[in-house]
């Protein structure tokens, strides 16, 4: 499709623990809209990157907030009826050692989880855009930008493009309607929009700290004349995001209550363990 036929740009932040999207029409490029409406939750910019499957882990029965327990004590029977949610599957693209990668069901391909989650995102994006602009042809008249971690292996873009195509975001595998940007680059672009709020002047420097669920990136930048940025120091980043903090908390908890008891809780009442971690950090911070 010719470039003149593209009417909308959609940016998807596919995160390790939370994901979101924003969109803008080419006729009004200053009016970027962030999605705050998700199945089961309104008024938040992101939804958990999580999937709930049937007992055979073949069909998606819930995603985002609906895939996770809010409060397992509200219905004690519900936990027994639910399979363990699939989470943190994005980390399987990374260079983590195999033993350190998150749990997945037996013989379950992590690319299926990425494809299934992007499929649910695609359905919501399509519904949102068609409701706002009924004449838009989806996805033929839509360009997409997808974020990826900067330090992840080169095959990351190939995997994400393949999953995006299978999810229905692209009409062909080699479509030029999908571009990638690294998460630090996306954070830097956001800084250009907010530097005025902090009274920064040209040639002044600042530190960009991007703390995500999987990675943490630090970059020192300088504001240049003409609303531009330069990189003062080489970006430093690693796999040390919030999911690894959660993992260390569970290690600490296991040393106190016993790892056998913790594994039993994880196996039999995963939703309660998950809720425990969420509530602990909520009340701690």
C-alpha atoms as a PDB file:
ATOM      1  CA  UNK A   1       0.000   0.000   0.000  1.00  0.00           C
ATOM      2  CA  UNK A   2       1.309   3.451  -0.895  1.00  0.00           C
ATOM      3  CA  UNK A   3       2.466   5.712   1.897  1.00  0.00           C
ATOM      4  CA  UNK A   4      -0.316   8.203   1.137  1.00  0.00           C
ATOM      5  CA  UNK A   5      -2.887   5.525   2.048  1.00  0.00           C
ATOM      6  CA  UNK A   6      -1.625   5.228   5.636  1.00  0.00           C
ATOM      7  CA  UNK A   7      -3.946   7.178   7.913  1.00  0.00           C
ATOM      8  CA  UNK A   8      -3.094   6.088  11.456  1.00  0.00           C
ATOM      9  CA  UNK A   9       0.062   5.331  13.428  1.00  0.00           C
ATOM     10  CA  UNK A  10      -0.178   2.930  16.375  1.00  0.00           C
ATOM     11  CA  UNK A  11       2.645   2.510  18.889  1.00  0.00           C
ATOM     12  CA  UNK A  12       2.615  -0.704  20.921  1.00  0.00           C
ATOM     13  CA  UNK A  13       4.624  -0.997  24.106  1.00  0.00           C
ATOM     14  CA  UNK A  14       4.895  -4.770  24.513  1.00  0.00           C
ATOM     15  CA  UNK A  15       6.349  -5.092  27.984  1.00  0.00           C
ATOM     16  CA  UNK A  16       7.555  -7.954  30.136  1.00  0.00           C
ATOM     17  CA  UNK A  17       4.953  -7.315  32.840  1.00  0.00           C
ATOM     18  CA  UNK A  18       2.641  -4.623  31.400  1.00  0.00           C
ATOM     19  CA  UNK A  19       1.716  -3.548  27.873  1.00  0.00           C
ATOM     20  CA  UNK A  20      -0.116  -0.639  26.290  1.00  0.00           C
ATOM     21  CA  UNK A  21      -0.703   1.251  23.072  1.00  0.00           C
ATOM     22  CA  UNK A  22      -1.271   4.761  21.755  1.00  0.00           C
ATOM     23  CA  UNK A  23      -2.441   6.039  18.382  1.00  0.00           C
ATOM     24  CA  UNK A  24      -2.592   9.172  16.286  1.00  0.00           C
ATOM     25  CA  UNK A  25      -4.233  10.190  12.992  1.00  0.00           C
ATOM     26  CA  UNK A  26      -1.917  11.671  10.370  1.00  0.00           C
ATOM     27  CA  UNK A  27      -4.298  14.615   9.878  1.00  0.00           C
ATOM     28  CA  UNK A  28      -3.804  15.660  13.512  1.00  0.00           C
ATOM     29  CA  UNK A  29      -0.279  14.497  14.463  1.00  0.00           C
ATOM     30  CA  UNK A  30      -0.195  16.485  17.717  1.00  0.00           C
ATOM     31  CA  UNK A  31      -3.201  14.671  19.189  1.00  0.00           C
ATOM     32  CA  UNK A  32      -1.722  11.394  20.402  1.00  0.00           C
ATOM     33  CA  UNK A  33      -4.274   9.259  22.242  1.00  0.00           C
ATOM     34  CA  UNK A  34      -3.175   6.771  24.917  1.00  0.00           C
ATOM     35  CA  UNK A  35      -5.553   3.869  25.433  1.00  0.00           C
ATOM     36  CA  UNK A  36      -7.047   3.772  28.947  1.00  0.00           C
ATOM     37  CA  UNK A  37      -9.763   1.199  28.323  1.00  0.00           C
ATOM     38  CA  UNK A  38      -9.046  -2.506  28.814  1.00  0.00           C
ATOM     39  CA  UNK A  39     -11.214  -5.597  29.277  1.00  0.00           C
ATOM     40  CA  UNK A  40     -11.966  -5.769  32.989  1.00  0.00           C
ATOM     41  CA  UNK A  41     -10.262  -2.468  33.828  1.00  0.00           C
ATOM     42  CA  UNK A  42     -10.813   1.177  32.938  1.00  0.00           C
ATOM     43  CA  UNK A  43      -8.745   4.283  33.550  1.00  0.00           C
ATOM     44  CA  UNK A  44      -5.231   2.775  33.393  1.00  0.00           C
ATOM     45  CA  UNK A  45      -2.678   3.147  30.567  1.00  0.00           C
ATOM     46  CA  UNK A  46      -1.461  -0.465  30.611  1.00  0.00           C
ATOM     47  CA  UNK A  47      -2.680  -4.003  31.154  1.00  0.00           C
ATOM     48  CA  UNK A  48      -0.733  -6.989  32.528  1.00  0.00           C
ATOM     49  CA  UNK A  49       1.152  -8.962  29.889  1.00  0.00           C
ATOM     50  CA  UNK A  50      -0.543 -12.176  30.945  1.00  0.00           C
ATOM     51  CA  UNK A  51      -2.723 -14.872  29.399  1.00  0.00           C
ATOM     52  CA  UNK A  52      -5.231 -17.318  30.830  1.00  0.00           C
ATOM     53  CA  UNK A  53      -5.711 -20.565  28.879  1.00  0.00           C
ATOM     54  CA  UNK A  54      -8.021 -23.526  29.068  1.00  0.00           C
ATOM     55  CA  UNK A  55      -6.740 -26.627  30.862  1.00  0.00           C
ATOM     56  CA  UNK A  56      -4.920 -27.850  27.719  1.00  0.00           C
ATOM     57  CA  UNK A  57      -3.211 -24.476  27.161  1.00  0.00           C
ATOM     58  CA  UNK A  58      -4.539 -24.295  23.616  1.00  0.00           C
ATOM     59  CA  UNK A  59      -7.207 -21.592  23.704  1.00  0.00           C
ATOM     60  CA  UNK A  60      -7.062 -18.179  25.398  1.00  0.00           C
ATOM     61  CA  UNK A  61      -9.838 -17.704  27.955  1.00  0.00           C
ATOM     62  CA  UNK A  62      -8.651 -14.390  29.381  1.00  0.00           C
ATOM     63  CA  UNK A  63      -5.903 -11.816  28.960  1.00  0.00           C
ATOM     64  CA  UNK A  64      -4.575  -8.768  30.765  1.00  0.00           C
ATOM     65  CA  UNK A  65      -6.331  -8.076  34.033  1.00  0.00           C
ATOM     66  CA  UNK A  66      -8.803 -10.904  33.513  1.00  0.00           C
ATOM     67  CA  UNK A  67      -5.930 -13.419  33.384  1.00  0.00           C
ATOM     68  CA  UNK A  68      -4.812 -12.578  36.923  1.00  0.00           C
ATOM     69  CA  UNK A  69      -6.495 -12.871  40.281  1.00  0.00           C
ATOM     70  CA  UNK A  70      -7.636  -9.660  41.960  1.00  0.00           C
ATOM     71  CA  UNK A  71      -8.356 -11.242  45.333  1.00  0.00           C
ATOM     72  CA  UNK A  72      -8.440 -15.048  45.479  1.00  0.00           C
ATOM     73  CA  UNK A  73     -10.233 -14.979  48.841  1.00  0.00           C
ATOM     74  CA  UNK A  74     -13.365 -13.596  47.184  1.00  0.00           C
ATOM     75  CA  UNK A  75     -14.117 -16.994  45.621  1.00  0.00           C
ATOM     76  CA  UNK A  76     -12.212 -19.977  46.968  1.00  0.00           C
ATOM     77  CA  UNK A  77     -13.535 -22.343  44.289  1.00  0.00           C
ATOM     78  CA  UNK A  78     -12.404 -20.207  41.363  1.00  0.00           C
ATOM     79  CA  UNK A  79      -8.709 -20.931  41.869  1.00  0.00           C
ATOM     80  CA  UNK A  80      -9.252 -24.677  41.394  1.00  0.00           C
ATOM     81  CA  UNK A  81     -11.035 -24.047  38.091  1.00  0.00           C
ATOM     82  CA  UNK A  82      -8.291 -21.909  36.568  1.00  0.00           C
ATOM     83  CA  UNK A  83      -5.070 -23.032  34.964  1.00  0.00           C
ATOM     84  CA  UNK A  84      -1.924 -21.217  35.956  1.00  0.00           C
ATOM     85  CA  UNK A  85      -1.632 -17.995  33.922  1.00  0.00           C
ATOM     86  CA  UNK A  86       1.191 -17.646  31.430  1.00  0.00           C
ATOM     87  CA  UNK A  87       3.341 -14.607  32.251  1.00  0.00           C
ATOM     88  CA  UNK A  88       6.785 -13.128  31.571  1.00  0.00           C
ATOM     89  CA  UNK A  89       6.988 -15.023  28.272  1.00  0.00           C
ATOM     90  CA  UNK A  90       8.775 -12.099  26.649  1.00  0.00           C
ATOM     91  CA  UNK A  91      11.891 -13.016  28.671  1.00  0.00           C
ATOM     92  CA  UNK A  92      12.241 -16.194  26.603  1.00  0.00           C
ATOM     93  CA  UNK A  93      13.588 -14.061  23.739  1.00  0.00           C
ATOM     94  CA  UNK A  94      16.384 -12.728  25.940  1.00  0.00           C
ATOM     95  CA  UNK A  95      19.821 -14.180  26.601  1.00  0.00           C
ATOM     96  CA  UNK A  96      18.836 -15.448  30.031  1.00  0.00           C
ATOM     97  CA  UNK A  97      20.199 -18.885  30.842  1.00  0.00           C
ATOM     98  CA  UNK A  98      17.626 -21.572  30.172  1.00  0.00           C
ATOM     99  CA  UNK A  99      17.263 -22.443  33.861  1.00  0.00           C
ATOM    100  CA  UNK A 100      16.563 -18.789  34.704  1.00  0.00           C
ATOM    101  CA  UNK A 101      13.786 -18.305  32.156  1.00  0.00           C
ATOM    102  CA  UNK A 102      10.203 -18.093  33.476  1.00  0.00           C
ATOM    103  CA  UNK A 103       7.882 -21.060  33.775  1.00  0.00           C
ATOM    104  CA  UNK A 104       5.900 -22.181  30.736  1.00  0.00           C
ATOM    105  CA  UNK A 105       3.545 -25.152  30.400  1.00  0.00           C
ATOM    106  CA  UNK A 106       5.134 -28.404  29.223  1.00  0.00           C
ATOM    107  CA  UNK A 107       5.977 -28.318  25.489  1.00  0.00           C
ATOM    108  CA  UNK A 108       4.552 -24.811  25.185  1.00  0.00           C
ATOM    109  CA  UNK A 109       6.289 -22.523  22.669  1.00  0.00           C
ATOM    110  CA  UNK A 110       6.826 -19.017  24.036  1.00  0.00           C
ATOM    111  CA  UNK A 111       6.154 -17.632  20.537  1.00  0.00           C
ATOM    112  CA  UNK A 112       2.590 -18.934  20.816  1.00  0.00           C
ATOM    113  CA  UNK A 113       2.112 -16.787  23.927  1.00  0.00           C
ATOM    114  CA  UNK A 114       3.488 -13.691  22.171  1.00  0.00           C
ATOM    115  CA  UNK A 115       1.277 -14.344  19.154  1.00  0.00           C
ATOM    116  CA  UNK A 116      -1.796 -14.952  21.337  1.00  0.00           C
ATOM    117  CA  UNK A 117      -1.224 -11.788  23.377  1.00  0.00           C
ATOM    118  CA  UNK A 118      -0.648  -9.643  20.282  1.00  0.00           C
ATOM    119  CA  UNK A 119      -3.822 -11.162  18.796  1.00  0.00           C
ATOM    120  CA  UNK A 120      -5.826  -9.928  21.779  1.00  0.00           C
ATOM    121  CA  UNK A 121      -4.137  -6.525  21.494  1.00  0.00           C
ATOM    122  CA  UNK A 122      -4.907  -6.445  17.765  1.00  0.00           C
ATOM    123  CA  UNK A 123      -8.597  -7.108  18.389  1.00  0.00           C
ATOM    124  CA  UNK A 124      -8.790  -4.265  20.903  1.00  0.00           C
ATOM    125  CA  UNK A 125      -6.779  -1.869  18.701  1.00  0.00           C
ATOM    126  CA  UNK A 126      -8.949  -2.652  15.690  1.00  0.00           C
ATOM    127  CA  UNK A 127     -12.153  -2.166  17.665  1.00  0.00           C
ATOM    128  CA  UNK A 128     -10.868   1.105  19.129  1.00  0.00           C
ATOM    129  CA  UNK A 129      -9.766   2.568  15.792  1.00  0.00           C
ATOM    130  CA  UNK A 130     -12.874   1.509  13.884  1.00  0.00           C
ATOM    131  CA  UNK A 131     -15.091   2.985  16.573  1.00  0.00           C
ATOM    132  CA  UNK A 132     -13.242   6.317  16.343  1.00  0.00           C
ATOM    133  CA  UNK A 133     -12.741   6.331  12.556  1.00  0.00           C
ATOM    134  CA  UNK A 134     -15.303   3.970  10.931  1.00  0.00           C
ATOM    135  CA  UNK A 135     -13.891   4.449   7.424  1.00  0.00           C
ATOM    136  CA  UNK A 136     -10.386   3.242   8.308  1.00  0.00           C
ATOM    137  CA  UNK A 137      -9.393  -0.044   6.649  1.00  0.00           C
ATOM    138  CA  UNK A 138      -7.568  -2.167   9.223  1.00  0.00           C
ATOM    139  CA  UNK A 139      -4.706  -3.011   9.047  1.00  0.00           C
ATOM    140  CA  UNK A 140      -4.047  -1.783   5.512  1.00  0.00           C
ATOM    141  CA  UNK A 141      -4.231   1.906   6.474  1.00  0.00           C
ATOM    142  CA  UNK A 142      -2.340   1.578   9.758  1.00  0.00           C
ATOM    143  CA  UNK A 143       1.383   1.763  10.506  1.00  0.00           C
ATOM    144  CA  UNK A 144       2.744   0.130  13.656  1.00  0.00           C
ATOM    145  CA  UNK A 145       5.739   0.809  15.879  1.00  0.00           C
ATOM    146  CA  UNK A 146       6.773  -1.883  18.336  1.00  0.00           C
ATOM    147  CA  UNK A 147       9.230  -1.420  21.200  1.00  0.00           C
ATOM    148  CA  UNK A 148      12.026  -3.901  21.915  1.00  0.00           C
ATOM    149  CA  UNK A 149      14.760  -3.934  24.590  1.00  0.00           C
ATOM    150  CA  UNK A 150      18.037  -2.490  23.308  1.00  0.00           C
ATOM    151  CA  UNK A 151      20.337  -5.211  24.614  1.00  0.00           C
ATOM    152  CA  UNK A 152      18.353  -8.223  23.392  1.00  0.00           C
ATOM    153  CA  UNK A 153      19.660 -10.515  20.627  1.00  0.00           C
ATOM    154  CA  UNK A 154      19.359  -9.604  16.913  1.00  0.00           C
ATOM    155  CA  UNK A 155      16.712 -12.256  16.258  1.00  0.00           C
ATOM    156  CA  UNK A 156      14.267 -10.373  18.519  1.00  0.00           C
ATOM    157  CA  UNK A 157      12.898  -8.312  15.630  1.00  0.00           C
ATOM    158  CA  UNK A 158      12.464 -11.394  13.450  1.00  0.00           C
ATOM    159  CA  UNK A 159      10.473 -13.183  16.158  1.00  0.00           C
ATOM    160  CA  UNK A 160       8.335 -10.142  16.914  1.00  0.00           C
ATOM    161  CA  UNK A 161       7.625  -9.505  13.226  1.00  0.00           C
ATOM    162  CA  UNK A 162       6.573 -13.131  12.737  1.00  0.00           C
ATOM    163  CA  UNK A 163       4.279 -12.989  15.781  1.00  0.00           C
ATOM    164  CA  UNK A 164       2.815  -9.637  14.726  1.00  0.00           C
ATOM    165  CA  UNK A 165       2.007 -11.072  11.295  1.00  0.00           C
ATOM    166  CA  UNK A 166       0.348 -14.180  12.754  1.00  0.00           C
ATOM    167  CA  UNK A 167      -1.597 -11.960  15.146  1.00  0.00           C
ATOM    168  CA  UNK A 168      -3.166 -10.095  12.224  1.00  0.00           C
ATOM    169  CA  UNK A 169      -1.347  -6.788  12.599  1.00  0.00           C
ATOM    170  CA  UNK A 170       0.284  -7.147   9.175  1.00  0.00           C
ATOM    171  CA  UNK A 171      -1.021  -8.277   5.802  1.00  0.00           C
ATOM    172  CA  UNK A 172       2.307  -9.901   4.880  1.00  0.00           C
ATOM    173  CA  UNK A 173       5.397 -11.035   6.747  1.00  0.00           C
ATOM    174  CA  UNK A 174       7.654  -8.544   4.958  1.00  0.00           C
ATOM    175  CA  UNK A 175       5.217  -5.629   5.252  1.00  0.00           C
ATOM    176  CA  UNK A 176       6.828  -2.207   5.594  1.00  0.00           C
ATOM    177  CA  UNK A 177       4.015  -1.091   7.904  1.00  0.00           C
ATOM    178  CA  UNK A 178       5.914  -2.292  10.977  1.00  0.00           C
ATOM    179  CA  UNK A 179       8.918  -0.496  12.457  1.00  0.00           C
ATOM    180  CA  UNK A 180      10.842  -1.209  15.641  1.00  0.00           C
ATOM    181  CA  UNK A 181      12.317   1.172  18.191  1.00  0.00           C
ATOM    182  CA  UNK A 182      14.355   0.342  21.252  1.00  0.00           C
ATOM    183  CA  UNK A 183      12.895   1.159  24.644  1.00  0.00           C
ATOM    184  CA  UNK A 184      15.700   3.660  25.500  1.00  0.00           C
ATOM    185  CA  UNK A 185      15.088   5.463  22.190  1.00  0.00           C
ATOM    186  CA  UNK A 186      11.370   5.663  22.958  1.00  0.00           C
ATOM    187  CA  UNK A 187      12.153   7.046  26.419  1.00  0.00           C
ATOM    188  CA  UNK A 188      14.478   9.650  24.892  1.00  0.00           C
ATOM    189  CA  UNK A 189      11.785  10.802  22.457  1.00  0.00           C
ATOM    190  CA  UNK A 190       9.386  11.176  25.369  1.00  0.00           C
ATOM    191  CA  UNK A 191      11.971  13.326  27.158  1.00  0.00           C
ATOM    192  CA  UNK A 192      11.958  15.787  24.266  1.00  0.00           C
ATOM    193  CA  UNK A 193       8.298  16.466  25.044  1.00  0.00           C
ATOM    194  CA  UNK A 194       8.750  16.932  28.788  1.00  0.00           C
ATOM    195  CA  UNK A 195      12.057  18.829  29.109  1.00  0.00           C
ATOM    196  CA  UNK A 196      10.202  22.143  29.097  1.00  0.00           C
ATOM    197  CA  UNK A 197       8.319  21.116  32.220  1.00  0.00           C
ATOM    198  CA  UNK A 198      11.662  20.862  34.034  1.00  0.00           C
ATOM    199  CA  UNK A 199      13.055  24.164  32.734  1.00  0.00           C
ATOM    200  CA  UNK A 200      15.976  22.498  30.981  1.00  0.00           C
ATOM    201  CA  UNK A 201      17.954  24.730  28.637  1.00  0.00           C
ATOM    202  CA  UNK A 202      20.149  23.819  25.642  1.00  0.00           C
ATOM    203  CA  UNK A 203      23.488  22.188  26.595  1.00  0.00           C
ATOM    204  CA  UNK A 204      22.160  21.033  29.972  1.00  0.00           C
ATOM    205  CA  UNK A 205      22.334  17.311  30.662  1.00  0.00           C
ATOM    206  CA  UNK A 206      20.053  14.840  32.408  1.00  0.00           C
ATOM    207  CA  UNK A 207      19.850  11.130  33.191  1.00  0.00           C
ATOM    208  CA  UNK A 208      17.150   8.904  31.681  1.00  0.00           C
ATOM    209  CA  UNK A 209      16.308   5.964  33.960  1.00  0.00           C
ATOM    210  CA  UNK A 210      13.979   3.440  32.321  1.00  0.00           C
ATOM    211  CA  UNK A 211      12.951   0.789  34.862  1.00  0.00           C
ATOM    212  CA  UNK A 212      10.783  -1.935  33.366  1.00  0.00           C
ATOM    213  CA  UNK A 213       9.621  -5.388  34.292  1.00  0.00           C
ATOM    214  CA  UNK A 214      12.493  -7.088  32.476  1.00  0.00           C
ATOM    215  CA  UNK A 215      15.230  -4.521  31.924  1.00  0.00           C
ATOM    216  CA  UNK A 216      16.640  -1.359  33.461  1.00  0.00           C
ATOM    217  CA  UNK A 217      18.393   1.148  31.163  1.00  0.00           C
ATOM    218  CA  UNK A 218      20.439   4.217  32.127  1.00  0.00           C
ATOM    219  CA  UNK A 219      21.425   6.856  29.576  1.00  0.00           C
ATOM    220  CA  UNK A 220      22.955  10.296  30.118  1.00  0.00           C
ATOM    221  CA  UNK A 221      21.789  12.817  27.520  1.00  0.00           C
ATOM    222  CA  UNK A 222      22.287  16.473  26.654  1.00  0.00           C
ATOM    223  CA  UNK A 223      19.631  18.841  25.351  1.00  0.00           C
ATOM    224  CA  UNK A 224      20.781  20.516  22.135  1.00  0.00           C
ATOM    225  CA  UNK A 225      19.457  23.600  20.359  1.00  0.00           C
ATOM    226  CA  UNK A 226      16.562  22.913  18.030  1.00  0.00           C
ATOM    227  CA  UNK A 227      14.811  20.533  20.412  1.00  0.00           C
ATOM    228  CA  UNK A 228      17.316  17.713  19.847  1.00  0.00           C
ATOM    229  CA  UNK A 229      19.150  15.287  22.130  1.00  0.00           C
ATOM    230  CA  UNK A 230      22.648  13.861  22.184  1.00  0.00           C
ATOM    231  CA  UNK A 231      23.892  10.838  24.090  1.00  0.00           C
ATOM    232  CA  UNK A 232      26.664  11.784  26.510  1.00  0.00           C
ATOM    233  CA  UNK A 233      27.483   8.341  27.843  1.00  0.00           C
ATOM    234  CA  UNK A 234      26.969   4.940  26.286  1.00  0.00           C
ATOM    235  CA  UNK A 235      23.732   3.343  27.405  1.00  0.00           C
ATOM    236  CA  UNK A 236      24.002   0.870  30.267  1.00  0.00           C
ATOM    237  CA  UNK A 237      21.309  -1.754  30.709  1.00  0.00           C
ATOM    238  CA  UNK A 238      20.716  -5.228  32.026  1.00  0.00           C
ATOM    239  CA  UNK A 239      18.060  -7.782  32.911  1.00  0.00           C
ATOM    240  CA  UNK A 240      17.379  -6.528  36.425  1.00  0.00           C
ATOM    241  CA  UNK A 241      13.798  -5.226  36.248  1.00  0.00           C
ATOM    242  CA  UNK A 242      10.923  -5.689  38.653  1.00  0.00           C
ATOM    243  CA  UNK A 243      10.370  -9.374  37.837  1.00  0.00           C
ATOM    244  CA  UNK A 244      13.801 -10.158  39.243  1.00  0.00           C
ATOM    245  CA  UNK A 245      12.951  -8.198  42.387  1.00  0.00           C
ATOM    246  CA  UNK A 246       9.831 -10.358  42.753  1.00  0.00           C
ATOM    247  CA  UNK A 247      11.974 -13.471  42.300  1.00  0.00           C
ATOM    248  CA  UNK A 248      14.361 -12.391  45.058  1.00  0.00           C
ATOM    249  CA  UNK A 249      11.437 -11.632  47.358  1.00  0.00           C
ATOM    250  CA  UNK A 250      10.146 -15.184  46.893  1.00  0.00           C
ATOM    251  CA  UNK A 251      13.644 -16.504  47.597  1.00  0.00           C
ATOM    252  CA  UNK A 252      13.682 -14.505  50.818  1.00  0.00           C
ATOM    253  CA  UNK A 253      10.205 -15.773  51.715  1.00  0.00           C
ATOM    254  CA  UNK A 254      11.205 -19.373  50.965  1.00  0.00           C
ATOM    255  CA  UNK A 255      14.141 -19.149  53.358  1.00  0.00           C
ATOM    256  CA  UNK A 256      11.737 -18.200  56.125  1.00  0.00           C
ATOM    257  CA  UNK A 257       8.712 -20.416  55.554  1.00  0.00           C
ATOM    258  CA  UNK A 258      10.492 -23.244  53.746  1.00  0.00           C
ATOM    259  CA  UNK A 259      10.941 -23.720  50.008  1.00  0.00           C
ATOM    260  CA  UNK A 260       8.818 -26.858  50.071  1.00  0.00           C
ATOM    261  CA  UNK A 261       5.873 -24.925  51.509  1.00  0.00           C
ATOM    262  CA  UNK A 262       6.405 -22.136  48.975  1.00  0.00           C
ATOM    263  CA  UNK A 263       6.461 -24.588  46.062  1.00  0.00           C
ATOM    264  CA  UNK A 264       3.276 -26.181  47.365  1.00  0.00           C
ATOM    265  CA  UNK A 265       1.608 -22.772  47.464  1.00  0.00           C
ATOM    266  CA  UNK A 266       2.818 -22.025  43.935  1.00  0.00           C
ATOM    267  CA  UNK A 267       1.598 -25.377  42.585  1.00  0.00           C
ATOM    268  CA  UNK A 268      -1.786 -25.509  44.314  1.00  0.00           C
ATOM    269  CA  UNK A 269      -2.730 -21.841  44.751  1.00  0.00           C
ATOM    270  CA  UNK A 270      -0.716 -19.811  42.268  1.00  0.00           C
ATOM    271  CA  UNK A 271      -3.186 -16.929  42.324  1.00  0.00           C
ATOM    272  CA  UNK A 272      -2.807 -16.520  46.087  1.00  0.00           C
ATOM    273  CA  UNK A 273       0.992 -16.473  45.816  1.00  0.00           C
ATOM    274  CA  UNK A 274       0.788 -13.881  43.069  1.00  0.00           C
ATOM    275  CA  UNK A 275      -1.611 -11.784  45.130  1.00  0.00           C
ATOM    276  CA  UNK A 276       0.733 -12.053  48.125  1.00  0.00           C
ATOM    277  CA  UNK A 277       3.631 -10.581  46.141  1.00  0.00           C
ATOM    278  CA  UNK A 278       1.494  -7.747  44.752  1.00  0.00           C
ATOM    279  CA  UNK A 279       0.080  -6.784  48.152  1.00  0.00           C
ATOM    280  CA  UNK A 280       3.479  -6.921  49.866  1.00  0.00           C
ATOM    281  CA  UNK A 281       5.040  -4.411  47.497  1.00  0.00           C
ATOM    282  CA  UNK A 282       1.918  -2.250  47.504  1.00  0.00           C
ATOM    283  CA  UNK A 283       1.989  -1.826  51.287  1.00  0.00           C
ATOM    284  CA  UNK A 284       5.789  -1.638  51.476  1.00  0.00           C
ATOM    285  CA  UNK A 285       6.122   1.252  49.047  1.00  0.00           C
END
